[in-house]
PDB file of N, CA and C in Angstrom:
ATOM      1  N   MET A   1       0.819  -1.196   0.000  1.00  0.00           N
ATOM      2  CA  MET A   1       0.000   0.000   0.000  1.00  0.00           C
ATOM      3  C   MET A   1       0.862   1.258   0.000  1.00  0.00           C
ATOM      4  N   LYS A   2       1.890   1.285   0.859  1.00  0.00           N
ATOM      5  CA  LYS A   2       2.753   2.457   0.959  1.00  0.00           C
ATOM      6  C   LYS A   2       3.468   2.729  -0.362  1.00  0.00           C
ATOM      7  N   GLU A   3       3.940   1.661  -0.995  1.00  0.00           N
ATOM      8  CA  GLU A   3       4.641   1.801  -2.269  1.00  0.00           C
ATOM      9  C   GLU A   3       3.710   2.355  -3.350  1.00  0.00           C
ATOM     10  N   GLN A   4       2.478   1.872  -3.375  1.00  0.00           N
ATOM     11  CA  GLN A   4       1.495   2.367  -4.344  1.00  0.00           C
ATOM     12  C   GLN A   4       1.180   3.838  -4.103  1.00  0.00           C
ATOM     13  N   LEU A   5       1.067   4.219  -2.839  1.00  0.00           N
ATOM     14  CA  LEU A   5       0.793   5.612  -2.497  1.00  0.00           C
ATOM     15  C   LEU A   5       1.935   6.512  -2.950  1.00  0.00           C
ATOM     16  N   LEU A   6       3.167   6.090  -2.694  1.00  0.00           N
ATOM     17  CA  LEU A   6       4.326   6.882  -3.108  1.00  0.00           C
ATOM     18  C   LEU A   6       4.394   7.017  -4.625  1.00  0.00           C
ATOM     19  N   GLU A   7       4.122   5.924  -5.329  1.00  0.00           N
ATOM     20  CA  GLU A   7       4.126   5.986  -6.792  1.00  0.00           C
ATOM     21  C   GLU A   7       3.028   6.925  -7.293  1.00  0.00           C
ATOM     22  N   TYR A   8       1.863   6.845  -6.674  1.00  0.00           N
ATOM     23  CA  TYR A   8       0.752   7.726  -7.051  1.00  0.00           C
ATOM     24  C   TYR A   8       1.122   9.189  -6.808  1.00  0.00           C
ATOM     25  N   LEU A   9       1.689   9.484  -5.638  1.00  0.00           N
ATOM     26  CA  LEU A   9       2.096  10.857  -5.321  1.00  0.00           C
ATOM     27  C   LEU A   9       3.135  11.368  -6.311  1.00  0.00           C
ATOM     28  N   PHE A  10       4.091  10.528  -6.669  1.00  0.00           N
ATOM     29  CA  PHE A  10       5.127  10.912  -7.620  1.00  0.00           C
ATOM     30  C   PHE A  10       4.511  11.221  -8.982  1.00  0.00           C
ATOM     31  N   LYS A  11       3.702  10.313  -9.480  1.00  0.00           N
ATOM     32  CA  LYS A  11       3.133  10.463 -10.826  1.00  0.00           C
ATOM     33  C   LYS A  11       2.109  11.587 -10.912  1.00  0.00           C
ATOM     34  N   LYS A  12       1.353  11.828  -9.845  1.00  0.00           N
ATOM     35  CA  LYS A  12       0.267  12.816  -9.869  1.00  0.00           C
ATOM     36  C   LYS A  12       0.647  14.160  -9.257  1.00  0.00           C
ATOM     37  N   SER A  13       1.884  14.335  -8.862  1.00  0.00           N
ATOM     38  CA  SER A  13       2.322  15.595  -8.258  1.00  0.00           C
ATOM     39  C   SER A  13       2.084  16.764  -9.217  1.00  0.00           C
ATOM     40  N   PRO A  14       1.702  17.930  -8.675  1.00  0.00           N
ATOM     41  CA  PRO A  14       1.497  19.105  -9.532  1.00  0.00           C
ATOM     42  C   PRO A  14       2.798  19.818  -9.914  1.00  0.00           C
ATOM     43  N   VAL A  15       3.930  19.279  -9.470  1.00  0.00           N
ATOM     44  CA  VAL A  15       5.229  19.852  -9.843  1.00  0.00           C
ATOM     45  C   VAL A  15       6.016  18.816 -10.643  1.00  0.00           C
ATOM     46  N   ALA A  16       6.973  19.290 -11.421  1.00  0.00           N
ATOM     47  CA  ALA A  16       7.820  18.394 -12.211  1.00  0.00           C
ATOM     48  C   ALA A  16       8.765  17.640 -11.279  1.00  0.00           C
ATOM     49  N   LEU A  17       8.746  16.320 -11.365  1.00  0.00           N
ATOM     50  CA  LEU A  17       9.603  15.471 -10.538  1.00  0.00           C
ATOM     51  C   LEU A  17      10.362  14.486 -11.416  1.00  0.00           C
ATOM     52  N   SER A  18      11.613  14.272 -11.063  1.00  0.00           N
ATOM     53  CA  SER A  18      12.394  13.227 -11.719  1.00  0.00           C
ATOM     54  C   SER A  18      13.229  12.516 -10.661  1.00  0.00           C
ATOM     55  N   TYR A  19      13.472  11.233 -10.881  1.00  0.00           N
ATOM     56  CA  TYR A  19      14.202  10.380  -9.951  1.00  0.00           C
ATOM     57  C   TYR A  19      15.454   9.900 -10.672  1.00  0.00           C
ATOM     58  N   HIS A  20      16.622  10.005  -9.995  1.00  0.00           N
ATOM     59  CA  HIS A  20      17.908   9.755 -10.646  1.00  0.00           C
ATOM     60  C   HIS A  20      18.858   8.925  -9.793  1.00  0.00           C
ATOM     61  N   LYS A  21      19.838   8.342 -10.470  1.00  0.00           N
ATOM     62  CA  LYS A  21      20.969   7.686  -9.815  1.00  0.00           C
ATOM     63  C   LYS A  21      22.230   8.400 -10.291  1.00  0.00           C
ATOM     64  N   ALA A  22      23.039   8.860  -9.340  1.00  0.00           N
ATOM     65  CA  ALA A  22      24.274   9.572  -9.672  1.00  0.00           C
ATOM     66  C   ALA A  22      25.290   8.621 -10.297  1.00  0.00           C
ATOM     67  N   ILE A  23      26.100   9.161 -11.198  1.00  0.00           N
ATOM     68  CA  ILE A  23      27.193   8.427 -11.835  1.00  0.00           C
ATOM     69  C   ILE A  23      28.486   9.119 -11.418  1.00  0.00           C
ATOM     70  N   PHE A  24      29.444   8.329 -10.937  1.00  0.00           N
ATOM     71  CA  PHE A  24      30.678   8.862 -10.377  1.00  0.00           C
ATOM     72  C   PHE A  24      31.877   8.546 -11.259  1.00  0.00           C
ATOM     73  N   ASP A  25      32.873   9.437 -11.237  1.00  0.00           N
ATOM     74  CA  ASP A  25      34.120   9.150 -11.942  1.00  0.00           C
ATOM     75  C   ASP A  25      34.995   8.267 -11.059  1.00  0.00           C
ATOM     76  N   LYS A  26      36.197   7.934 -11.528  1.00  0.00           N
ATOM     77  CA  LYS A  26      37.072   7.020 -10.784  1.00  0.00           C
ATOM     78  C   LYS A  26      37.512   7.574  -9.441  1.00  0.00           C
ATOM     79  N   ASP A  27      37.412   8.899  -9.256  1.00  0.00           N
ATOM     80  CA  ASP A  27      37.783   9.527  -7.990  1.00  0.00           C
ATOM     81  C   ASP A  27      36.594   9.709  -7.052  1.00  0.00           C
ATOM     82  N   GLY A  28      35.429   9.206  -7.457  1.00  0.00           N
ATOM     83  CA  GLY A  28      34.246   9.305  -6.616  1.00  0.00           C
ATOM     84  C   GLY A  28      33.498  10.622  -6.713  1.00  0.00           C
ATOM     85  N   VAL A  29      33.794  11.405  -7.749  1.00  0.00           N
ATOM     86  CA  VAL A  29      33.121  12.692  -7.948  1.00  0.00           C
ATOM     87  C   VAL A  29      31.944  12.479  -8.904  1.00  0.00           C
ATOM     88  N   PRO A  30      30.739  12.909  -8.518  1.00  0.00           N
ATOM     89  CA  PRO A  30      29.601  12.756  -9.421  1.00  0.00           C
ATOM     90  C   PRO A  30      29.737  13.684 -10.625  1.00  0.00           C
ATOM     91  N   TYR A  31      29.480  13.143 -11.811  1.00  0.00           N
ATOM     92  CA  TYR A  31      29.609  13.963 -13.019  1.00  0.00           C
ATOM     93  C   TYR A  31      28.375  13.880 -13.920  1.00  0.00           C
ATOM     94  N   ASP A  32      27.494  12.929 -13.655  1.00  0.00           N
ATOM     95  CA  ASP A  32      26.286  12.769 -14.463  1.00  0.00           C
ATOM     96  C   ASP A  32      25.300  11.958 -13.637  1.00  0.00           C
ATOM     97  N   CYS A  33      24.110  11.735 -14.187  1.00  0.00           N
ATOM     98  CA  CYS A  33      23.131  10.911 -13.498  1.00  0.00           C
ATOM     99  C   CYS A  33      22.232  10.225 -14.514  1.00  0.00           C
ATOM    100  N   GLU A  34      21.708   9.080 -14.101  1.00  0.00           N
ATOM    101  CA  GLU A  34      20.800   8.305 -14.940  1.00  0.00           C
ATOM    102  C   GLU A  34      19.360   8.614 -14.537  1.00  0.00           C
ATOM    103  N   PHE A  35      18.489   8.766 -15.522  1.00  0.00           N
ATOM    104  CA  PHE A  35      17.060   8.923 -15.258  1.00  0.00           C
ATOM    105  C   PHE A  35      16.489   7.567 -14.854  1.00  0.00           C
ATOM    106  N   LEU A  36      15.817   7.517 -13.708  1.00  0.00           N
ATOM    107  CA  LEU A  36      15.140   6.301 -13.282  1.00  0.00           C
ATOM    108  C   LEU A  36      13.625   6.421 -13.432  1.00  0.00           C
ATOM    109  N   ASP A  37      13.099   7.647 -13.318  1.00  0.00           N
ATOM    110  CA  ASP A  37      11.665   7.874 -13.501  1.00  0.00           C
ATOM    111  C   ASP A  37      11.407   9.368 -13.632  1.00  0.00           C
ATOM    112  N   VAL A  38      10.314   9.718 -14.276  1.00  0.00           N
ATOM    113  CA  VAL A  38       9.856  11.109 -14.383  1.00  0.00           C
ATOM    114  C   VAL A  38       8.332  11.099 -14.296  1.00  0.00           C
ATOM    115  N   ASN A  39       7.755  12.216 -13.842  1.00  0.00           N
ATOM    116  CA  ASN A  39       6.294  12.287 -13.828  1.00  0.00           C
ATOM    117  C   ASN A  39       5.790  13.031 -15.063  1.00  0.00           C
ATOM    118  N   ASN A  40       4.471  13.102 -15.198  1.00  0.00           N
ATOM    119  CA  ASN A  40       3.861  13.713 -16.385  1.00  0.00           C
ATOM    120  C   ASN A  40       4.211  15.188 -16.536  1.00  0.00           C
ATOM    121  N   ILE A  41       4.285  15.909 -15.428  1.00  0.00           N
ATOM    122  CA  ILE A  41       4.615  17.333 -15.487  1.00  0.00           C
ATOM    123  C   ILE A  41       6.041  17.509 -16.013  1.00  0.00           C
ATOM    124  N   TYR A  42       6.959  16.659 -15.563  1.00  0.00           N
ATOM    125  CA  TYR A  42       8.342  16.712 -16.046  1.00  0.00           C
ATOM    126  C   TYR A  42       8.382  16.415 -17.546  1.00  0.00           C
ATOM    127  N   GLU A  43       7.621  15.409 -17.972  1.00  0.00           N
ATOM    128  CA  GLU A  43       7.542  15.090 -19.401  1.00  0.00           C
ATOM    129  C   GLU A  43       7.099  16.312 -20.205  1.00  0.00           C
ATOM    130  N   SER A  44       6.049  16.970 -19.735  1.00  0.00           N
ATOM    131  CA  SER A  44       5.534  18.162 -20.430  1.00  0.00           C
ATOM    132  C   SER A  44       6.570  19.271 -20.471  1.00  0.00           C
ATOM    133  N   MET A  45       7.292  19.432 -19.365  1.00  0.00           N
ATOM    134  CA  MET A  45       8.276  20.502 -19.273  1.00  0.00           C
ATOM    135  C   MET A  45       9.431  20.306 -20.261  1.00  0.00           C
ATOM    136  N   ILE A  46       9.897  19.055 -20.400  1.00  0.00           N
ATOM    137  CA  ILE A  46      11.053  18.815 -21.273  1.00  0.00           C
ATOM    138  C   ILE A  46      10.655  18.402 -22.691  1.00  0.00           C
ATOM    139  N   GLY A  47       9.380  18.086 -22.891  1.00  0.00           N
ATOM    140  CA  GLY A  47       8.921  17.713 -24.228  1.00  0.00           C
ATOM    141  C   GLY A  47       9.290  16.302 -24.643  1.00  0.00           C
ATOM    142  N   LEU A  48       9.579  15.434 -23.670  1.00  0.00           N
ATOM    143  CA  LEU A  48       9.917  14.035 -23.950  1.00  0.00           C
ATOM    144  C   LEU A  48       9.102  13.134 -23.037  1.00  0.00           C
ATOM    145  N   LYS A  49       8.790  11.930 -23.496  1.00  0.00           N
ATOM    146  CA  LYS A  49       8.060  10.947 -22.698  1.00  0.00           C
ATOM    147  C   LYS A  49       9.030  10.164 -21.817  1.00  0.00           C
ATOM    148  N   ASP A  50       8.478   9.527 -20.773  1.00  0.00           N
ATOM    149  CA  ASP A  50       9.325   8.784 -19.839  1.00  0.00           C
ATOM    150  C   ASP A  50      10.168   7.725 -20.541  1.00  0.00           C
ATOM    151  N   TYR A  51       9.594   7.006 -21.503  1.00  0.00           N
ATOM    152  CA  TYR A  51      10.343   5.955 -22.194  1.00  0.00           C
ATOM    153  C   TYR A  51      11.497   6.507 -23.042  1.00  0.00           C
ATOM    154  N   GLU A  52      11.486   7.812 -23.304  1.00  0.00           N
ATOM    155  CA  GLU A  52      12.569   8.431 -24.067  1.00  0.00           C
ATOM    156  C   GLU A  52      13.743   8.845 -23.182  1.00  0.00           C
ATOM    157  N   VAL A  53      13.523   8.912 -21.862  1.00  0.00           N
ATOM    158  CA  VAL A  53      14.600   9.355 -20.976  1.00  0.00           C
ATOM    159  C   VAL A  53      15.027   8.306 -19.951  1.00  0.00           C
ATOM    160  N   ILE A  54      14.106   7.447 -19.513  1.00  0.00           N
ATOM    161  CA  ILE A  54      14.445   6.467 -18.476  1.00  0.00           C
ATOM    162  C   ILE A  54      15.541   5.532 -18.985  1.00  0.00           C
ATOM    163  N   GLY A  55      16.577   5.377 -18.143  1.00  0.00           N
ATOM    164  CA  GLY A  55      17.724   4.547 -18.499  1.00  0.00           C
ATOM    165  C   GLY A  55      18.832   5.303 -19.207  1.00  0.00           C
ATOM    166  N   LYS A  56      18.571   6.568 -19.539  1.00  0.00           N
ATOM    167  CA  LYS A  56      19.593   7.386 -20.202  1.00  0.00           C
ATOM    168  C   LYS A  56      20.205   8.362 -19.206  1.00  0.00           C
ATOM    169  N   ASN A  57      21.393   8.825 -19.547  1.00  0.00           N
ATOM    170  CA  ASN A  57      22.078   9.796 -18.703  1.00  0.00           C
ATOM    171  C   ASN A  57      21.582  11.207 -18.995  1.00  0.00           C
ATOM    172  N   TYR A  58      21.649  12.045 -17.968  1.00  0.00           N
ATOM    173  CA  TYR A  58      21.200  13.435 -18.092  1.00  0.00           C
ATOM    174  C   TYR A  58      21.917  14.129 -19.242  1.00  0.00           C
ATOM    175  N   ASN A  59      23.239  13.928 -19.322  1.00  0.00           N
ATOM    176  CA  ASN A  59      24.012  14.597 -20.371  1.00  0.00           C
ATOM    177  C   ASN A  59      23.727  14.048 -21.768  1.00  0.00           C
ATOM    178  N   GLU A  60      23.128  12.858 -21.862  1.00  0.00           N
ATOM    179  CA  GLU A  60      22.682  12.334 -23.159  1.00  0.00           C
ATOM    180  C   GLU A  60      21.450  13.092 -23.637  1.00  0.00           C
ATOM    181  N   ILE A  61      20.600  13.459 -22.699  1.00  0.00           N
ATOM    182  CA  ILE A  61      19.329  14.103 -23.014  1.00  0.00           C
ATOM    183  C   ILE A  61      19.494  15.605 -23.207  1.00  0.00           C
ATOM    184  N   PHE A  62      20.278  16.216 -22.348  1.00  0.00           N
ATOM    185  CA  PHE A  62      20.431  17.670 -22.365  1.00  0.00           C
ATOM    186  C   PHE A  62      21.888  18.053 -22.574  1.00  0.00           C
ATOM    187  N   GLU A  63      22.090  19.115 -23.290  1.00  0.00           N
ATOM    188  CA  GLU A  63      23.410  19.727 -23.347  1.00  0.00           C
ATOM    189  C   GLU A  63      23.385  20.782 -22.253  1.00  0.00           C
ATOM    190  N   ILE A  64      23.708  20.354 -21.032  1.00  0.00           N
ATOM    191  CA  ILE A  64      23.515  21.184 -19.846  1.00  0.00           C
ATOM    192  C   ILE A  64      24.127  22.561 -19.987  1.00  0.00           C
ATOM    193  N   GLY A  65      25.352  22.657 -20.417  1.00  0.00           N
ATOM    194  CA  GLY A  65      25.990  23.962 -20.546  1.00  0.00           C
ATOM    195  C   GLY A  65      25.241  24.889 -21.480  1.00  0.00           C
ATOM    196  N   ASN A  66      24.619  24.315 -22.506  1.00  0.00           N
ATOM    197  CA  ASN A  66      23.887  25.130 -23.471  1.00  0.00           C
ATOM    198  C   ASN A  66      22.490  25.490 -23.002  1.00  0.00           C
ATOM    199  N   VAL A  67      21.925  24.714 -22.077  1.00  0.00           N
ATOM    200  CA  VAL A  67      20.545  24.938 -21.651  1.00  0.00           C
ATOM    201  C   VAL A  67      20.465  25.705 -20.339  1.00  0.00           C
ATOM    202  N   ILE A  68      21.177  25.242 -19.298  1.00  0.00           N
ATOM    203  CA  ILE A  68      21.077  25.926 -18.005  1.00  0.00           C
ATOM    204  C   ILE A  68      22.423  26.304 -17.405  1.00  0.00           C
ATOM    205  N   GLY A  69      23.494  26.109 -18.110  1.00  0.00           N
ATOM    206  CA  GLY A  69      24.794  26.547 -17.624  1.00  0.00           C
ATOM    207  C   GLY A  69      25.419  25.596 -16.616  1.00  0.00           C
ATOM    208  N   ASP A  70      26.540  26.027 -16.062  1.00  0.00           N
ATOM    209  CA  ASP A  70      27.317  25.194 -15.147  1.00  0.00           C
ATOM    210  C   ASP A  70      26.776  25.175 -13.727  1.00  0.00           C
ATOM    211  N   GLU A  71      25.812  26.052 -13.403  1.00  0.00           N
ATOM    212  CA  GLU A  71      25.263  26.090 -12.047  1.00  0.00           C
ATOM    213  C   GLU A  71      24.700  24.730 -11.651  1.00  0.00           C
ATOM    214  N   TRP A  72      24.055  24.067 -12.621  1.00  0.00           N
ATOM    215  CA  TRP A  72      23.457  22.760 -12.353  1.00  0.00           C
ATOM    216  C   TRP A  72      24.519  21.764 -11.899  1.00  0.00           C
ATOM    217  N   LYS A  73      25.627  21.685 -12.609  1.00  0.00           N
ATOM    218  CA  LYS A  73      26.665  20.703 -12.275  1.00  0.00           C
ATOM    219  C   LYS A  73      27.229  20.960 -10.885  1.00  0.00           C
ATOM    220  N   ARG A  74      27.509  22.216 -10.570  1.00  0.00           N
ATOM    221  CA  ARG A  74      28.041  22.544  -9.240  1.00  0.00           C
ATOM    222  C   ARG A  74      27.040  22.193  -8.141  1.00  0.00           C
ATOM    223  N   ALA A  75      25.773  22.517  -8.352  1.00  0.00           N
ATOM    224  CA  ALA A  75      24.742  22.233  -7.350  1.00  0.00           C
ATOM    225  C   ALA A  75      24.543  20.726  -7.180  1.00  0.00           C
ATOM    226  N   PHE A  76      24.517  19.999  -8.286  1.00  0.00           N
ATOM    227  CA  PHE A  76      24.363  18.544  -8.259  1.00  0.00           C
ATOM    228  C   PHE A  76      25.511  17.906  -7.477  1.00  0.00           C
ATOM    229  N   GLN A  77      26.744  18.327  -7.762  1.00  0.00           N
ATOM    230  CA  GLN A  77      27.897  17.779  -7.050  1.00  0.00           C
ATOM    231  C   GLN A  77      27.850  18.127  -5.567  1.00  0.00           C
ATOM    232  N   GLU A  78      27.495  19.359  -5.243  1.00  0.00           N
ATOM    233  CA  GLU A  78      27.395  19.770  -3.838  1.00  0.00           C
ATOM    234  C   GLU A  78      26.364  18.924  -3.094  1.00  0.00           C
ATOM    235  N   ALA A  79      25.212  18.712  -3.704  1.00  0.00           N
ATOM    236  CA  ALA A  79      24.151  17.932  -3.064  1.00  0.00           C
ATOM    237  C   ALA A  79      24.600  16.495  -2.799  1.00  0.00           C
ATOM    238  N   ILE A  80      25.173  15.845  -3.801  1.00  0.00           N
ATOM    239  CA  ILE A  80      25.590  14.446  -3.660  1.00  0.00           C
ATOM    240  C   ILE A  80      26.753  14.316  -2.675  1.00  0.00           C
ATOM    241  N   ILE A  81      27.781  15.124  -2.836  1.00  0.00           N
ATOM    242  CA  ILE A  81      28.971  15.012  -1.987  1.00  0.00           C
ATOM    243  C   ILE A  81      28.650  15.314  -0.527  1.00  0.00           C
ATOM    244  N   ASN A  82      27.824  16.334  -0.285  1.00  0.00           N
ATOM    245  CA  ASN A  82      27.512  16.755   1.087  1.00  0.00           C
ATOM    246  C   ASN A  82      26.226  16.145   1.628  1.00  0.00           C
ATOM    247  N   ASN A  83      25.575  15.295   0.829  1.00  0.00           N
ATOM    248  CA  ASN A  83      24.347  14.622   1.243  1.00  0.00           C
ATOM    249  C   ASN A  83      23.319  15.604   1.809  1.00  0.00           C
ATOM    250  N   LYS A  84      23.044  16.660   1.010  1.00  0.00           N
ATOM    251  CA  LYS A  84      22.102  17.673   1.480  1.00  0.00           C
ATOM    252  C   LYS A  84      21.265  18.199   0.317  1.00  0.00           C
ATOM    253  N   THR A  85      20.099  18.706   0.652  1.00  0.00           N
ATOM    254  CA  THR A  85      19.229  19.318  -0.344  1.00  0.00           C
ATOM    255  C   THR A  85      19.826  20.643  -0.792  1.00  0.00           C
ATOM    256  N   VAL A  86      19.809  20.882  -2.089  1.00  0.00           N
ATOM    257  CA  VAL A  86      20.316  22.134  -2.656  1.00  0.00           C
ATOM    258  C   VAL A  86      19.234  22.706  -3.564  1.00  0.00           C
ATOM    259  N   VAL A  87      19.022  24.015  -3.447  1.00  0.00           N
ATOM    260  CA  VAL A  87      18.050  24.716  -4.286  1.00  0.00           C
ATOM    261  C   VAL A  87      18.797  25.760  -5.104  1.00  0.00           C
ATOM    262  N   ILE A  88      18.560  25.766  -6.418  1.00  0.00           N
ATOM    263  CA  ILE A  88      19.197  26.767  -7.279  1.00  0.00           C
ATOM    264  C   ILE A  88      18.168  27.359  -8.232  1.00  0.00           C
ATOM    265  N   ASP A  89      18.399  28.585  -8.599  1.00  0.00           N
ATOM    266  CA  ASP A  89      17.616  29.252  -9.634  1.00  0.00           C
ATOM    267  C   ASP A  89      18.519  29.400 -10.847  1.00  0.00           C
ATOM    268  N   VAL A  90      18.064  28.896 -11.982  1.00  0.00           N
ATOM    269  CA  VAL A  90      18.865  28.955 -13.206  1.00  0.00           C
ATOM    270  C   VAL A  90      18.012  29.462 -14.355  1.00  0.00           C
ATOM    271  N   TYR A  91      18.659  30.096 -15.303  1.00  0.00           N
ATOM    272  CA  TYR A  91      17.963  30.555 -16.498  1.00  0.00           C
ATOM    273  C   TYR A  91      18.025  29.449 -17.534  1.00  0.00           C
ATOM    274  N   ASN A  92      16.868  28.983 -17.966  1.00  0.00           N
ATOM    275  CA  ASN A  92      16.785  27.929 -18.967  1.00  0.00           C
ATOM    276  C   ASN A  92      16.698  28.577 -20.343  1.00  0.00           C
ATOM    277  N   LYS A  93      17.778  28.464 -21.105  1.00  0.00           N
ATOM    278  CA  LYS A  93      17.853  29.106 -22.421  1.00  0.00           C
ATOM    279  C   LYS A  93      16.911  28.474 -23.441  1.00  0.00           C
ATOM    280  N   ALA A  94      16.524  27.234 -23.218  1.00  0.00           N
ATOM    281  CA  ALA A  94      15.634  26.552 -24.165  1.00  0.00           C
ATOM    282  C   ALA A  94      14.215  27.106 -24.108  1.00  0.00           C
ATOM    283  N   VAL A  95      13.786  27.513 -22.906  1.00  0.00           N
ATOM    284  CA  VAL A  95      12.412  28.021 -22.760  1.00  0.00           C
ATOM    285  C   VAL A  95      12.382  29.498 -22.370  1.00  0.00           C
ATOM    286  N   TYR A  96      13.558  30.114 -22.274  1.00  0.00           N
ATOM    287  CA  TYR A  96      13.676  31.542 -21.960  1.00  0.00           C
ATOM    288  C   TYR A  96      12.988  31.901 -20.647  1.00  0.00           C
ATOM    289  N   LYS A  97      13.232  31.083 -19.623  1.00  0.00           N
ATOM    290  CA  LYS A  97      12.621  31.315 -18.313  1.00  0.00           C
ATOM    291  C   LYS A  97      13.600  30.964 -17.212  1.00  0.00           C
ATOM    292  N   TRP A  98      13.416  31.642 -16.079  1.00  0.00           N
ATOM    293  CA  TRP A  98      14.111  31.248 -14.864  1.00  0.00           C
ATOM    294  C   TRP A  98      13.347  30.085 -14.257  1.00  0.00           C
ATOM    295  N   ILE A  99      14.075  29.081 -13.795  1.00  0.00           N
ATOM    296  CA  ILE A  99      13.440  27.951 -13.116  1.00  0.00           C
ATOM    297  C   ILE A  99      14.167  27.687 -11.805  1.00  0.00           C
ATOM    298  N   ARG A 100      13.427  27.205 -10.842  1.00  0.00           N
ATOM    299  CA  ARG A 100      14.012  26.808  -9.552  1.00  0.00           C
ATOM    300  C   ARG A 100      14.094  25.290  -9.536  1.00  0.00           C
ATOM    301  N   ILE A 101      15.285  24.785  -9.255  1.00  0.00           N
ATOM    302  CA  ILE A 101      15.516  23.344  -9.181  1.00  0.00           C
ATOM    303  C   ILE A 101      15.881  22.995  -7.749  1.00  0.00           C
ATOM    304  N   THR A 102      15.159  22.039  -7.172  1.00  0.00           N
ATOM    305  CA  THR A 102      15.494  21.513  -5.853  1.00  0.00           C
ATOM    306  C   THR A 102      16.045  20.112  -6.047  1.00  0.00           C
ATOM    307  N   ILE A 103      17.249  19.891  -5.545  1.00  0.00           N
ATOM    308  CA  ILE A 103      17.893  18.580  -5.614  1.00  0.00           C
ATOM    309  C   ILE A 103      17.755  17.968  -4.226  1.00  0.00           C
ATOM    310  N   PHE A 104      16.926  16.943  -4.115  1.00  0.00           N
ATOM    311  CA  PHE A 104      16.603  16.314  -2.835  1.00  0.00           C
ATOM    312  C   PHE A 104      17.273  14.947  -2.772  1.00  0.00           C
ATOM    313  N   ILE A 105      18.207  14.786  -1.853  1.00  0.00           N
ATOM    314  CA  ILE A 105      18.995  13.558  -1.741  1.00  0.00           C
ATOM    315  C   ILE A 105      18.204  12.477  -1.010  1.00  0.00           C
ATOM    316  N   LEU A 106      18.173  11.278  -1.586  1.00  0.00           N
ATOM    317  CA  LEU A 106      17.496  10.143  -0.961  1.00  0.00           C
ATOM    318  C   LEU A 106      18.486   9.211  -0.269  1.00  0.00           C
ATOM    319  N   ASP A 107      19.642   8.996  -0.882  1.00  0.00           N
ATOM    320  CA  ASP A 107      20.730   8.223  -0.281  1.00  0.00           C
ATOM    321  C   ASP A 107      22.019   8.630  -0.985  1.00  0.00           C
ATOM    322  N   LYS A 108      23.093   7.876  -0.825  1.00  0.00           N
ATOM    323  CA  LYS A 108      24.403   8.290  -1.348  1.00  0.00           C
ATOM    324  C   LYS A 108      24.464   8.426  -2.863  1.00  0.00           C
ATOM    325  N   GLU A 109      23.538   7.793  -3.564  1.00  0.00           N
ATOM    326  CA  GLU A 109      23.591   7.894  -5.024  1.00  0.00           C
ATOM    327  C   GLU A 109      22.253   8.194  -5.689  1.00  0.00           C
ATOM    328  N   HIS A 110      21.166   8.216  -4.941  1.00  0.00           N
ATOM    329  CA  HIS A 110      19.843   8.481  -5.514  1.00  0.00           C
ATOM    330  C   HIS A 110      19.299   9.821  -5.050  1.00  0.00           C
ATOM    331  N   PHE A 111      18.613  10.502  -5.957  1.00  0.00           N
ATOM    332  CA  PHE A 111      18.030  11.798  -5.619  1.00  0.00           C
ATOM    333  C   PHE A 111      16.849  12.100  -6.530  1.00  0.00           C
ATOM    334  N   CYS A 112      16.063  13.073  -6.112  1.00  0.00           N
ATOM    335  CA  CYS A 112      14.943  13.565  -6.916  1.00  0.00           C
ATOM    336  C   CYS A 112      15.179  15.023  -7.243  1.00  0.00           C
ATOM    337  N   LEU A 113      14.689  15.438  -8.389  1.00  0.00           N
ATOM    338  CA  LEU A 113      14.654  16.850  -8.754  1.00  0.00           C
ATOM    339  C   LEU A 113      13.213  17.308  -8.698  1.00  0.00           C
ATOM    340  N   TYR A 114      12.991  18.436  -8.043  1.00  0.00           N
ATOM    341  CA  TYR A 114      11.681  19.104  -8.052  1.00  0.00           C
ATOM    342  C   TYR A 114      11.886  20.373  -8.848  1.00  0.00           C
ATOM    343  N   ILE A 115      11.054  20.594  -9.833  1.00  0.00           N
ATOM    344  CA  ILE A 115      11.194  21.807 -10.643  1.00  0.00           C
ATOM    345  C   ILE A 115       9.853  22.513 -10.682  1.00  0.00           C
TER     346      ILE A 115
END
């Protein structure tokens, strides 16, 4: 029951949510992440369906430097390394808007993005 409720909350949330697994280099520094799940709002925001992103790396889907700059990479690394929630405001060049991204850490390698 609890698992079904959590899945329902994730999928039906009124905010864009994505679930990820961090990818580390040989020195243990996170440099990318794999999409594990996204909700409908996230799909609408990025213009791709879940089956188009799940199992792929963030950098495969987005050219981060061209879309939201280096702030994302620094914030992502800070969140994973320090095991803490990080909130950043970035300008998304693809949609010409400022967006707030919350990186919420679940464990040493898994996290959610709230946008």
